[in-house]
Amino acid sequence: VKQQAITDGLTGLYNFRYIKNRLEEEVKRAQRFKHYLALIMADIDDFKKFNDTYGHPEGNKVLKSLANILRSNIREVDIVARYGGEEFIIILPEANREEAKKIAERIRSKVEKCNFAL
């Protein structure tokens, strides 16, 4: 039951409530130990148009596929969540700007190459 309260039912990623609390904790930890902390926010361009064209079931498939891409392209210590409809957030503890850029670019590249089969 607790797991259901903190995860998004569609993607299996953490949900907004969890990530909001976790971000506050990570900010405090980074400040206390003087560590880096990076954040990546991502959304799907023109997702409403996609849903309107192909329908919500197809849109849900895209969201699930994207969640899998995000999960498989972050470090073990990173935390990924579905922030909103088609918005995602990744907390990168102890990652500096360059590390965050590399991870973001790796994700962007994987998404670009992904063929979201309809």
PDB file of N, CA and C in Angstrom:
ATOM      1  N   VAL A   1       0.836  -1.197   0.000  1.00  0.00           N
ATOM      2  CA  VAL A   1       0.000   0.000   0.000  1.00  0.00           C
ATOM      3  C   VAL A   1       0.874   1.251   0.000  1.00  0.00           C
ATOM      4  N   LYS A   2       1.942   1.233   0.810  1.00  0.00           N
ATOM      5  CA  LYS A   2       2.824   2.399   0.854  1.00  0.00           C
ATOM      6  C   LYS A   2       3.449   2.649  -0.518  1.00  0.00           C
ATOM      7  N   GLN A   3       3.867   1.570  -1.182  1.00  0.00           N
ATOM      8  CA  GLN A   3       4.475   1.705  -2.510  1.00  0.00           C
ATOM      9  C   GLN A   3       3.491   2.337  -3.488  1.00  0.00           C
ATOM     10  N   GLN A   4       2.221   1.958  -3.408  1.00  0.00           N
ATOM     11  CA  GLN A   4       1.202   2.527  -4.292  1.00  0.00           C
ATOM     12  C   GLN A   4       1.019   4.019  -4.041  1.00  0.00           C
ATOM     13  N   ALA A   5       1.227   4.448  -2.805  1.00  0.00           N
ATOM     14  CA  ALA A   5       1.044   5.857  -2.457  1.00  0.00           C
ATOM     15  C   ALA A   5       2.145   6.741  -3.021  1.00  0.00           C
ATOM     16  N   ILE A   6       3.292   6.145  -3.341  1.00  0.00           N
ATOM     17  CA  ILE A   6       4.419   6.965  -3.805  1.00  0.00           C
ATOM     18  C   ILE A   6       4.788   6.715  -5.261  1.00  0.00           C
ATOM     19  N   THR A   7       4.063   5.833  -5.935  1.00  0.00           N
ATOM     20  CA  THR A   7       4.389   5.561  -7.332  1.00  0.00           C
ATOM     21  C   THR A   7       3.240   5.925  -8.261  1.00  0.00           C
ATOM     22  N   ASP A   8       3.604   6.234  -9.470  1.00  0.00           N
ATOM     23  CA  ASP A   8       2.646   6.531 -10.527  1.00  0.00           C
ATOM     24  C   ASP A   8       2.101   5.207 -11.051  1.00  0.00           C
ATOM     25  N   GLY A   9       0.790   5.080 -11.073  1.00  0.00           N
ATOM     26  CA  GLY A   9       0.163   3.829 -11.468  1.00  0.00           C
ATOM     27  C   GLY A   9       0.439   3.412 -12.899  1.00  0.00           C
ATOM     28  N   LEU A  10       0.630   4.357 -13.784  1.00  0.00           N
ATOM     29  CA  LEU A  10       0.848   4.037 -15.197  1.00  0.00           C
ATOM     30  C   LEU A  10       2.288   3.631 -15.489  1.00  0.00           C
ATOM     31  N   THR A  11       3.233   4.444 -15.043  1.00  0.00           N
ATOM     32  CA  THR A  11       4.639   4.248 -15.422  1.00  0.00           C
ATOM     33  C   THR A  11       5.445   3.435 -14.414  1.00  0.00           C
ATOM     34  N   GLY A  12       4.964   3.365 -13.182  1.00  0.00           N
ATOM     35  CA  GLY A  12       5.723   2.698 -12.133  1.00  0.00           C
ATOM     36  C   GLY A  12       6.831   3.558 -11.554  1.00  0.00           C
ATOM     37  N   LEU A  13       6.981   4.774 -12.075  1.00  0.00           N
ATOM     38  CA  LEU A  13       7.964   5.707 -11.526  1.00  0.00           C
ATOM     39  C   LEU A  13       7.410   6.310 -10.242  1.00  0.00           C
ATOM     40  N   TYR A  14       8.281   6.968  -9.485  1.00  0.00           N
ATOM     41  CA  TYR A  14       7.788   7.697  -8.326  1.00  0.00           C
ATOM     42  C   TYR A  14       6.826   8.779  -8.798  1.00  0.00           C
ATOM     43  N   ASN A  15       5.945   9.215  -7.900  1.00  0.00           N
ATOM     44  CA  ASN A  15       4.970  10.246  -8.253  1.00  0.00           C
ATOM     45  C   ASN A  15       5.395  11.617  -7.719  1.00  0.00           C
ATOM     46  N   PHE A  16       4.581  12.616  -8.014  1.00  0.00           N
ATOM     47  CA  PHE A  16       4.876  13.998  -7.636  1.00  0.00           C
ATOM     48  C   PHE A  16       5.045  14.142  -6.127  1.00  0.00           C
ATOM     49  N   ARG A  17       4.142  13.551  -5.364  1.00  0.00           N
ATOM     50  CA  ARG A  17       4.188  13.683  -3.900  1.00  0.00           C
ATOM     51  C   ARG A  17       5.526  13.182  -3.364  1.00  0.00           C
ATOM     52  N   TYR A  18       5.946  12.017  -3.842  1.00  0.00           N
ATOM     53  CA  TYR A  18       7.206  11.445  -3.376  1.00  0.00           C
ATOM     54  C   TYR A  18       8.394  12.309  -3.795  1.00  0.00           C
ATOM     55  N   ILE A  19       8.432  12.699  -5.046  1.00  0.00           N
ATOM     56  CA  ILE A  19       9.603  13.414  -5.553  1.00  0.00           C
ATOM     57  C   ILE A  19       9.738  14.789  -4.896  1.00  0.00           C
ATOM     58  N   LYS A  20       8.614  15.408  -4.582  1.00  0.00           N
ATOM     59  CA  LYS A  20       8.644  16.712  -3.903  1.00  0.00           C
ATOM     60  C   LYS A  20       9.323  16.576  -2.542  1.00  0.00           C
ATOM     61  N   ASN A  21       8.917  15.591  -1.770  1.00  0.00           N
ATOM     62  CA  ASN A  21       9.524  15.365  -0.457  1.00  0.00           C
ATOM     63  C   ASN A  21      10.979  14.940  -0.582  1.00  0.00           C
ATOM     64  N   ARG A  22      11.254  14.076  -1.533  1.00  0.00           N
ATOM     65  CA  ARG A  22      12.619  13.581  -1.711  1.00  0.00           C
ATOM     66  C   ARG A  22      13.561  14.695  -2.148  1.00  0.00           C
ATOM     67  N   LEU A  23      13.074  15.598  -3.005  1.00  0.00           N
ATOM     68  CA  LEU A  23      13.904  16.717  -3.444  1.00  0.00           C
ATOM     69  C   LEU A  23      14.287  17.600  -2.261  1.00  0.00           C
ATOM     70  N   GLU A  24      13.327  17.869  -1.385  1.00  0.00           N
ATOM     71  CA  GLU A  24      13.631  18.663  -0.188  1.00  0.00           C
ATOM     72  C   GLU A  24      14.719  17.988   0.643  1.00  0.00           C
ATOM     73  N   GLU A  25      14.619  16.672   0.817  1.00  0.00           N
ATOM     74  CA  GLU A  25      15.628  15.923   1.572  1.00  0.00           C
ATOM     75  C   GLU A  25      16.991  15.997   0.896  1.00  0.00           C
ATOM     76  N   GLU A  26      17.017  15.836  -0.414  1.00  0.00           N
ATOM     77  CA  GLU A  26      18.289  15.843  -1.147  1.00  0.00           C
ATOM     78  C   GLU A  26      18.942  17.224  -1.140  1.00  0.00           C
ATOM     79  N   VAL A  27      18.134  18.272  -1.202  1.00  0.00           N
ATOM     80  CA  VAL A  27      18.680  19.635  -1.120  1.00  0.00           C
ATOM     81  C   VAL A  27      19.333  19.838   0.244  1.00  0.00           C
ATOM     82  N   LYS A  28      18.649  19.431   1.302  1.00  0.00           N
ATOM     83  CA  LYS A  28      19.209  19.567   2.657  1.00  0.00           C
ATOM     84  C   LYS A  28      20.499  18.761   2.796  1.00  0.00           C
ATOM     85  N   ARG A  29      20.504  17.549   2.265  1.00  0.00           N
ATOM     86  CA  ARG A  29      21.691  16.696   2.346  1.00  0.00           C
ATOM     87  C   ARG A  29      22.855  17.314   1.575  1.00  0.00           C
ATOM     88  N   ALA A  30      22.580  17.829   0.388  1.00  0.00           N
ATOM     89  CA  ALA A  30      23.634  18.457  -0.417  1.00  0.00           C
ATOM     90  C   ALA A  30      24.208  19.679   0.298  1.00  0.00           C
ATOM     91  N   GLN A  31      23.338  20.450   0.928  1.00  0.00           N
ATOM     92  CA  GLN A  31      23.809  21.626   1.661  1.00  0.00           C
ATOM     93  C   GLN A  31      24.633  21.213   2.878  1.00  0.00           C
ATOM     94  N   ARG A  32      24.136  20.224   3.607  1.00  0.00           N
ATOM     95  CA  ARG A  32      24.813  19.785   4.829  1.00  0.00           C
ATOM     96  C   ARG A  32      26.215  19.247   4.523  1.00  0.00           C
ATOM     97  N   PHE A  33      26.338  18.446   3.482  1.00  0.00           N
ATOM     98  CA  PHE A  33      27.623  17.826   3.165  1.00  0.00           C
ATOM     99  C   PHE A  33      28.399  18.559   2.075  1.00  0.00           C
ATOM    100  N   LYS A  34      27.835  19.679   1.621  1.00  0.00           N
ATOM    101  CA  LYS A  34      28.461  20.501   0.586  1.00  0.00           C
ATOM    102  C   LYS A  34      28.759  19.672  -0.673  1.00  0.00           C
ATOM    103  N   HIS A  35      27.761  18.895  -1.079  1.00  0.00           N
ATOM    104  CA  HIS A  35      27.844  18.085  -2.292  1.00  0.00           C
ATOM    105  C   HIS A  35      27.066  18.753  -3.411  1.00  0.00           C
ATOM    106  N   TYR A  36      27.393  18.372  -4.623  1.00  0.00           N
ATOM    107  CA  TYR A  36      26.610  18.820  -5.771  1.00  0.00           C
ATOM    108  C   TYR A  36      25.246  18.145  -5.761  1.00  0.00           C
ATOM    109  N   LEU A  37      24.309  18.791  -6.412  1.00  0.00           N
ATOM    110  CA  LEU A  37      22.990  18.207  -6.636  1.00  0.00           C
ATOM    111  C   LEU A  37      22.465  18.783  -7.941  1.00  0.00           C
ATOM    112  N   ALA A  38      22.082  17.912  -8.845  1.00  0.00           N
ATOM    113  CA  ALA A  38      21.554  18.366 -10.135  1.00  0.00           C
ATOM    114  C   ALA A  38      20.131  17.860 -10.303  1.00  0.00           C
ATOM    115  N   LEU A  39      19.429  18.524 -11.193  1.00  0.00           N
ATOM    116  CA  LEU A  39      18.033  18.196 -11.457  1.00  0.00           C
ATOM    117  C   LEU A  39      17.805  18.269 -12.959  1.00  0.00           C
ATOM    118  N   ILE A  40      17.138  17.275 -13.491  1.00  0.00           N
ATOM    119  CA  ILE A  40      16.757  17.286 -14.901  1.00  0.00           C
ATOM    120  C   ILE A  40      15.242  17.270 -14.960  1.00  0.00           C
ATOM    121  N   MET A  41      14.686  18.199 -15.708  1.00  0.00           N
ATOM    122  CA  MET A  41      13.244  18.191 -15.955  1.00  0.00           C
ATOM    123  C   MET A  41      13.052  17.980 -17.446  1.00  0.00           C
ATOM    124  N   ALA A  42      12.104  17.124 -17.783  1.00  0.00           N
ATOM    125  CA  ALA A  42      11.853  16.822 -19.192  1.00  0.00           C
ATOM    126  C   ALA A  42      10.361  16.704 -19.429  1.00  0.00           C
ATOM    127  N   ASP A  43       9.960  17.069 -20.625  1.00  0.00           N
ATOM    128  CA  ASP A  43       8.569  16.845 -21.013  1.00  0.00           C
ATOM    129  C   ASP A  43       8.541  16.407 -22.472  1.00  0.00           C
ATOM    130  N   ILE A  44       7.392  15.889 -22.879  1.00  0.00           N
ATOM    131  CA  ILE A  44       7.232  15.413 -24.247  1.00  0.00           C
ATOM    132  C   ILE A  44       6.617  16.534 -25.068  1.00  0.00           C
ATOM    133  N   ASP A  45       7.334  16.977 -26.084  1.00  0.00           N
ATOM    134  CA  ASP A  45       6.824  18.039 -26.955  1.00  0.00           C
ATOM    135  C   ASP A  45       5.555  17.581 -27.664  1.00  0.00           C
ATOM    136  N   ASP A  46       4.588  18.469 -27.726  1.00  0.00           N
ATOM    137  CA  ASP A  46       3.340  18.239 -28.475  1.00  0.00           C
ATOM    138  C   ASP A  46       2.607  16.961 -28.069  1.00  0.00           C
ATOM    139  N   PHE A  47       2.686  16.605 -26.790  1.00  0.00           N
ATOM    140  CA  PHE A  47       2.055  15.358 -26.350  1.00  0.00           C
ATOM    141  C   PHE A  47       0.531  15.421 -26.424  1.00  0.00           C
ATOM    142  N   LYS A  48      -0.042  16.572 -26.148  1.00  0.00           N
ATOM    143  CA  LYS A  48      -1.501  16.709 -26.250  1.00  0.00           C
ATOM    144  C   LYS A  48      -1.949  16.434 -27.681  1.00  0.00           C
ATOM    145  N   LYS A  49      -1.209  16.982 -28.619  1.00  0.00           N
ATOM    146  CA  LYS A  49      -1.525  16.760 -30.035  1.00  0.00           C
ATOM    147  C   LYS A  49      -1.421  15.271 -30.384  1.00  0.00           C
ATOM    148  N   PHE A  50      -0.395  14.610 -29.839  1.00  0.00           N
ATOM    149  CA  PHE A  50      -0.234  13.169 -30.054  1.00  0.00           C
ATOM    150  C   PHE A  50      -1.448  12.414 -29.510  1.00  0.00           C
ATOM    151  N   ASN A  51      -1.837  12.734 -28.268  1.00  0.00           N
ATOM    152  CA  ASN A  51      -3.005  12.079 -27.664  1.00  0.00           C
ATOM    153  C   ASN A  51      -4.269  12.344 -28.467  1.00  0.00           C
ATOM    154  N   ASP A  52      -4.430  13.570 -28.921  1.00  0.00           N
ATOM    155  CA  ASP A  52      -5.620  13.916 -29.712  1.00  0.00           C
ATOM    156  C   ASP A  52      -5.652  13.150 -31.032  1.00  0.00           C
ATOM    157  N   THR A  53      -4.479  12.921 -31.609  1.00  0.00           N
ATOM    158  CA  THR A  53      -4.388  12.232 -32.898  1.00  0.00           C
ATOM    159  C   THR A  53      -4.517  10.719 -32.768  1.00  0.00           C
ATOM    160  N   TYR A  54      -3.783  10.134 -31.826  1.00  0.00           N
ATOM    161  CA  TYR A  54      -3.700   8.671 -31.735  1.00  0.00           C
ATOM    162  C   TYR A  54      -4.498   8.069 -30.578  1.00  0.00           C
ATOM    163  N   GLY A  55      -4.941   8.910 -29.650  1.00  0.00           N
ATOM    164  CA  GLY A  55      -5.719   8.422 -28.513  1.00  0.00           C
ATOM    165  C   GLY A  55      -4.871   8.196 -27.269  1.00  0.00           C
ATOM    166  N   HIS A  56      -5.540   8.229 -26.130  1.00  0.00           N
ATOM    167  CA  HIS A  56      -4.845   8.084 -24.847  1.00  0.00           C
ATOM    168  C   HIS A  56      -4.184   6.715 -24.651  1.00  0.00           C
ATOM    169  N   PRO A  57      -4.780   5.616 -25.125  1.00  0.00           N
ATOM    170  CA  PRO A  57      -4.079   4.331 -24.966  1.00  0.00           C
ATOM    171  C   PRO A  57      -2.693   4.337 -25.626  1.00  0.00           C
ATOM    172  N   GLU A  58      -2.583   4.947 -26.805  1.00  0.00           N
ATOM    173  CA  GLU A  58      -1.275   5.041 -27.471  1.00  0.00           C
ATOM    174  C   GLU A  58      -0.360   5.999 -26.715  1.00  0.00           C
ATOM    175  N   GLY A  59      -0.933   7.089 -26.218  1.00  0.00           N
ATOM    176  CA  GLY A  59      -0.152   8.027 -25.410  1.00  0.00           C
ATOM    177  C   GLY A  59       0.398   7.354 -24.166  1.00  0.00           C
ATOM    178  N   ASN A  60      -0.411   6.500 -23.552  1.00  0.00           N
ATOM    179  CA  ASN A  60       0.046   5.770 -22.368  1.00  0.00           C
ATOM    180  C   ASN A  60       1.207   4.841 -22.696  1.00  0.00           C
ATOM    181  N   LYS A  61       1.179   4.236 -23.871  1.00  0.00           N
ATOM    182  CA  LYS A  61       2.297   3.379 -24.297  1.00  0.00           C
ATOM    183  C   LYS A  61       3.586   4.195 -24.412  1.00  0.00           C
ATOM    184  N   VAL A  62       3.454   5.402 -24.956  1.00  0.00           N
ATOM    185  CA  VAL A  62       4.626   6.280 -25.080  1.00  0.00           C
ATOM    186  C   VAL A  62       5.163   6.642 -23.697  1.00  0.00           C
ATOM    187  N   LEU A  63       4.265   6.980 -22.769  1.00  0.00           N
ATOM    188  CA  LEU A  63       4.696   7.328 -21.412  1.00  0.00           C
ATOM    189  C   LEU A  63       5.424   6.163 -20.745  1.00  0.00           C
ATOM    190  N   LYS A  64       4.909   4.957 -20.918  1.00  0.00           N
ATOM    191  CA  LYS A  64       5.557   3.772 -20.342  1.00  0.00           C
ATOM    192  C   LYS A  64       6.928   3.538 -20.978  1.00  0.00           C
ATOM    193  N   SER A  65       7.008   3.689 -22.292  1.00  0.00           N
ATOM    194  CA  SER A  65       8.293   3.518 -22.986  1.00  0.00           C
ATOM    195  C   SER A  65       9.309   4.547 -22.519  1.00  0.00           C
ATOM    196  N   LEU A  66       8.867   5.785 -22.393  1.00  0.00           N
ATOM    197  CA  LEU A  66       9.766   6.837 -21.931  1.00  0.00           C
ATOM    198  C   LEU A  66      10.229   6.561 -20.505  1.00  0.00           C
ATOM    199  N   ALA A  67       9.330   6.106 -19.660  1.00  0.00           N
ATOM    200  CA  ALA A  67       9.704   5.763 -18.283  1.00  0.00           C
ATOM    201  C   ALA A  67      10.805   4.707 -18.279  1.00  0.00           C
ATOM    202  N   ASN A  68      10.695   3.722 -19.146  1.00  0.00           N
ATOM    203  CA  ASN A  68      11.725   2.680 -19.233  1.00  0.00           C
ATOM    204  C   ASN A  68      13.058   3.240 -19.713  1.00  0.00           C
ATOM    205  N   ILE A  69      13.004   4.155 -20.674  1.00  0.00           N
ATOM    206  CA  ILE A  69      14.234   4.802 -21.154  1.00  0.00           C
ATOM    207  C   ILE A  69      14.887   5.581 -20.017  1.00  0.00           C
ATOM    208  N   LEU A  70      14.091   6.343 -19.283  1.00  0.00           N
ATOM    209  CA  LEU A  70      14.635   7.128 -18.175  1.00  0.00           C
ATOM    210  C   LEU A  70      15.275   6.213 -17.134  1.00  0.00           C
ATOM    211  N   ARG A  71      14.542   5.189 -16.732  1.00  0.00           N
ATOM    212  CA  ARG A  71      15.037   4.248 -15.715  1.00  0.00           C
ATOM    213  C   ARG A  71      16.358   3.600 -16.124  1.00  0.00           C
ATOM    214  N   SER A  72      16.483   3.261 -17.389  1.00  0.00           N
ATOM    215  CA  SER A  72      17.666   2.514 -17.826  1.00  0.00           C
ATOM    216  C   SER A  72      18.851   3.403 -18.196  1.00  0.00           C
ATOM    217  N   ASN A  73      18.701   4.710 -18.075  1.00  0.00           N
ATOM    218  CA  ASN A  73      19.791   5.607 -18.459  1.00  0.00           C
ATOM    219  C   ASN A  73      20.213   6.564 -17.357  1.00  0.00           C
ATOM    220  N   ILE A  74      19.909   6.190 -16.119  1.00  0.00           N
ATOM    221  CA  ILE A  74      20.356   6.989 -14.981  1.00  0.00           C
ATOM    222  C   ILE A  74      21.252   6.133 -14.097  1.00  0.00           C
ATOM    223  N   ARG A  75      21.930   6.798 -13.191  1.00  0.00           N
ATOM    224  CA  ARG A  75      22.793   6.077 -12.258  1.00  0.00           C
ATOM    225  C   ARG A  75      21.930   5.421 -11.175  1.00  0.00           C
ATOM    226  N   GLU A  76      22.508   4.482 -10.463  1.00  0.00           N
ATOM    227  CA  GLU A  76      21.778   3.779  -9.413  1.00  0.00           C
ATOM    228  C   GLU A  76      21.290   4.722  -8.315  1.00  0.00           C
ATOM    229  N   VAL A  77      22.028   5.788  -8.041  1.00  0.00           N
ATOM    230  CA  VAL A  77      21.664   6.709  -6.960  1.00  0.00           C
ATOM    231  C   VAL A  77      20.640   7.761  -7.384  1.00  0.00           C
ATOM    232  N   ASP A  78      20.369   7.867  -8.666  1.00  0.00           N
ATOM    233  CA  ASP A  78      19.444   8.885  -9.163  1.00  0.00           C
ATOM    234  C   ASP A  78      17.999   8.476  -8.900  1.00  0.00           C
ATOM    235  N   ILE A  79      17.130   9.464  -8.831  1.00  0.00           N
ATOM    236  CA  ILE A  79      15.715   9.236  -8.552  1.00  0.00           C
ATOM    237  C   ILE A  79      14.907   9.858  -9.677  1.00  0.00           C
ATOM    238  N   VAL A  80      14.071   9.058 -10.329  1.00  0.00           N
ATOM    239  CA  VAL A  80      13.258   9.556 -11.443  1.00  0.00           C
ATOM    240  C   VAL A  80      11.788   9.441 -11.076  1.00  0.00           C
ATOM    241  N   ALA A  81      11.016  10.443 -11.496  1.00  0.00           N
ATOM    242  CA  ALA A  81       9.585  10.463 -11.184  1.00  0.00           C
ATOM    243  C   ALA A  81       8.792  11.077 -12.325  1.00  0.00           C
ATOM    244  N   ARG A  82       7.542  10.708 -12.364  1.00  0.00           N
ATOM    245  CA  ARG A  82       6.601  11.381 -13.266  1.00  0.00           C
ATOM    246  C   ARG A  82       6.067  12.570 -12.483  1.00  0.00           C
ATOM    247  N   TYR A  83       6.393  13.743 -12.966  1.00  0.00           N
ATOM    248  CA  TYR A  83       6.078  14.995 -12.277  1.00  0.00           C
ATOM    249  C   TYR A  83       4.654  15.436 -12.570  1.00  0.00           C
ATOM    250  N   GLY A  84       4.220  15.217 -13.788  1.00  0.00           N
ATOM    251  CA  GLY A  84       2.879  15.595 -14.212  1.00  0.00           C
ATOM    252  C   GLY A  84       2.507  14.760 -15.410  1.00  0.00           C
ATOM    253  N   GLY A  85       1.516  15.164 -16.148  1.00  0.00           N
ATOM    254  CA  GLY A  85       1.031  14.403 -17.293  1.00  0.00           C
ATOM    255  C   GLY A  85       2.125  13.827 -18.159  1.00  0.00           C
ATOM    256  N   GLU A  86       2.884  14.691 -18.829  1.00  0.00           N
ATOM    257  CA  GLU A  86       3.990  14.231 -19.677  1.00  0.00           C
ATOM    258  C   GLU A  86       5.304  14.846 -19.224  1.00  0.00           C
ATOM    259  N   GLU A  87       5.358  15.216 -17.963  1.00  0.00           N
ATOM    260  CA  GLU A  87       6.554  15.837 -17.394  1.00  0.00           C
ATOM    261  C   GLU A  87       7.245  14.867 -16.438  1.00  0.00           C
ATOM    262  N   PHE A  88       8.563  14.863 -16.516  1.00  0.00           N
ATOM    263  CA  PHE A  88       9.358  13.966 -15.692  1.00  0.00           C
ATOM    264  C   PHE A  88      10.464  14.760 -15.020  1.00  0.00           C
ATOM    265  N   ILE A  89      10.896  14.278 -13.865  1.00  0.00           N
ATOM    266  CA  ILE A  89      11.975  14.931 -13.131  1.00  0.00           C
ATOM    267  C   ILE A  89      12.958  13.860 -12.668  1.00  0.00           C
ATOM    268  N   ILE A  90      14.231  14.193 -12.746  1.00  0.00           N
ATOM    269  CA  ILE A  90      15.278  13.286 -12.277  1.00  0.00           C
ATOM    270  C   ILE A  90      16.154  14.057 -11.298  1.00  0.00           C
ATOM    271  N   ILE A  91      16.299  13.519 -10.101  1.00  0.00           N
ATOM    272  CA  ILE A  91      17.200  14.085  -9.098  1.00  0.00           C
ATOM    273  C   ILE A  91      18.517  13.328  -9.213  1.00  0.00           C
ATOM    274  N   LEU A  92      19.610  14.090  -9.327  1.00  0.00           N
ATOM    275  CA  LEU A  92      20.940  13.491  -9.491  1.00  0.00           C
ATOM    276  C   LEU A  92      21.832  13.890  -8.312  1.00  0.00           C
ATOM    277  N   PRO A  93      21.789  13.124  -7.221  1.00  0.00           N
ATOM    278  CA  PRO A  93      22.631  13.451  -6.068  1.00  0.00           C
ATOM    279  C   PRO A  93      24.111  13.391  -6.437  1.00  0.00           C
ATOM    280  N   GLU A  94      24.853  14.339  -5.942  1.00  0.00           N
ATOM    281  CA  GLU A  94      26.303  14.407  -6.114  1.00  0.00           C
ATOM    282  C   GLU A  94      26.743  14.477  -7.575  1.00  0.00           C
ATOM    283  N   ALA A  95      25.881  14.985  -8.433  1.00  0.00           N
ATOM    284  CA  ALA A  95      26.239  15.158  -9.845  1.00  0.00           C
ATOM    285  C   ALA A  95      26.480  16.640 -10.115  1.00  0.00           C
ATOM    286  N   ASN A  96      27.603  16.950 -10.726  1.00  0.00           N
ATOM    287  CA  ASN A  96      27.858  18.339 -11.096  1.00  0.00           C
ATOM    288  C   ASN A  96      27.188  18.629 -12.442  1.00  0.00           C
ATOM    289  N   ARG A  97      27.356  19.835 -12.911  1.00  0.00           N
ATOM    290  CA  ARG A  97      26.707  20.262 -14.153  1.00  0.00           C
ATOM    291  C   ARG A  97      27.097  19.391 -15.346  1.00  0.00           C
ATOM    292  N   GLU A  98      28.382  19.086 -15.460  1.00  0.00           N
ATOM    293  CA  GLU A  98      28.847  18.280 -16.597  1.00  0.00           C
ATOM    294  C   GLU A  98      28.275  16.867 -16.562  1.00  0.00           C
ATOM    295  N   GLU A  99      28.246  16.267 -15.382  1.00  0.00           N
ATOM    296  CA  GLU A  99      27.666  14.922 -15.262  1.00  0.00           C
ATOM    297  C   GLU A  99      26.184  14.941 -15.621  1.00  0.00           C
ATOM    298  N   ALA A 100      25.484  15.958 -15.147  1.00  0.00           N
ATOM    299  CA  ALA A 100      24.051  16.083 -15.441  1.00  0.00           C
ATOM    300  C   ALA A 100      23.821  16.268 -16.938  1.00  0.00           C
ATOM    301  N   LYS A 101      24.668  17.072 -17.576  1.00  0.00           N
ATOM    302  CA  LYS A 101      24.547  17.273 -19.030  1.00  0.00           C
ATOM    303  C   LYS A 101      24.743  15.967 -19.786  1.00  0.00           C
ATOM    304  N   LYS A 102      25.723  15.165 -19.362  1.00  0.00           N
ATOM    305  CA  LYS A 102      25.985  13.880 -20.022  1.00  0.00           C
ATOM    306  C   LYS A 102      24.780  12.951 -19.903  1.00  0.00           C
ATOM    307  N   ILE A 103      24.208  12.887 -18.720  1.00  0.00           N
ATOM    308  CA  ILE A 103      23.042  12.026 -18.508  1.00  0.00           C
ATOM    309  C   ILE A 103      21.859  12.532 -19.324  1.00  0.00           C
ATOM    310  N   ALA A 104      21.633  13.838 -19.293  1.00  0.00           N
ATOM    311  CA  ALA A 104      20.519  14.417 -20.055  1.00  0.00           C
ATOM    312  C   ALA A 104      20.698  14.169 -21.552  1.00  0.00           C
ATOM    313  N   GLU A 105      21.901  14.312 -22.035  1.00  0.00           N
ATOM    314  CA  GLU A 105      22.159  14.090 -23.463  1.00  0.00           C
ATOM    315  C   GLU A 105      21.994  12.622 -23.837  1.00  0.00           C
ATOM    316  N   ARG A 106      22.447  11.733 -22.961  1.00  0.00           N
ATOM    317  CA  ARG A 106      22.275  10.299 -23.216  1.00  0.00           C
ATOM    318  C   ARG A 106      20.784   9.960 -23.325  1.00  0.00           C
ATOM    319  N   ILE A 107      19.982  10.517 -22.425  1.00  0.00           N
ATOM    320  CA  ILE A 107      18.534  10.280 -22.450  1.00  0.00           C
ATOM    321  C   ILE A 107      17.928  10.872 -23.719  1.00  0.00           C
ATOM    322  N   ARG A 108      18.297  12.108 -24.036  1.00  0.00           N
ATOM    323  CA  ARG A 108      17.754  12.758 -25.231  1.00  0.00           C
ATOM    324  C   ARG A 108      18.064  11.941 -26.482  1.00  0.00           C
ATOM    325  N   SER A 109      19.295  11.463 -26.560  1.00  0.00           N
ATOM    326  CA  SER A 109      19.714  10.674 -27.713  1.00  0.00           C
ATOM    327  C   SER A 109      18.924   9.367 -27.815  1.00  0.00           C
ATOM    328  N   LYS A 110      18.719   8.701 -26.699  1.00  0.00           N
ATOM    329  CA  LYS A 110      17.949   7.442 -26.699  1.00  0.00           C
ATOM    330  C   LYS A 110      16.508   7.695 -27.128  1.00  0.00           C
ATOM    331  N   VAL A 111      15.923   8.777 -26.640  1.00  0.00           N
ATOM    332  CA  VAL A 111      14.539   9.105 -27.001  1.00  0.00           C
ATOM    333  C   VAL A 111      14.453   9.418 -28.486  1.00  0.00           C
ATOM    334  N   GLU A 112      15.426  10.168 -28.982  1.00  0.00           N
ATOM    335  CA  GLU A 112      15.444  10.529 -30.400  1.00  0.00           C
ATOM    336  C   GLU A 112      15.497   9.285 -31.294  1.00  0.00           C
ATOM    337  N   LYS A 113      16.241   8.281 -30.860  1.00  0.00           N
ATOM    338  CA  LYS A 113      16.397   7.054 -31.648  1.00  0.00           C
ATOM    339  C   LYS A 113      15.238   6.076 -31.465  1.00  0.00           C
ATOM    340  N   CYS A 114      14.427   6.318 -30.461  1.00  0.00           N
ATOM    341  CA  CYS A 114      13.341   5.390 -30.154  1.00  0.00           C
ATOM    342  C   CYS A 114      12.219   5.509 -31.180  1.00  0.00           C
ATOM    343  N   ASN A 115      11.778   4.370 -31.647  1.00  0.00           N
ATOM    344  CA  ASN A 115      10.653   4.332 -32.574  1.00  0.00           C
ATOM    345  C   ASN A 115       9.427   3.939 -31.765  1.00  0.00           C
ATOM    346  N   PHE A 116       8.653   4.921 -31.374  1.00  0.00           N
ATOM    347  CA  PHE A 116       7.449   4.644 -30.604  1.00  0.00           C
ATOM    348  C   PHE A 116       6.417   4.043 -31.550  1.00  0.00           C
ATOM    349  N   ALA A 117       6.378   2.723 -31.572  1.00  0.00           N
ATOM    350  CA  ALA A 117       5.495   2.006 -32.504  1.00  0.00           C
ATOM    351  C   ALA A 117       4.038   2.282 -32.183  1.00  0.00           C
ATOM    352  N   LEU A 118       3.300   2.603 -33.215  1.00  0.00           N
ATOM    353  CA  LEU A 118       1.865   2.850 -33.055  1.00  0.00           C
ATOM    354  C   LEU A 118       1.081   1.661 -33.575  1.00  0.00           C
TER     355      LEU A 118
END
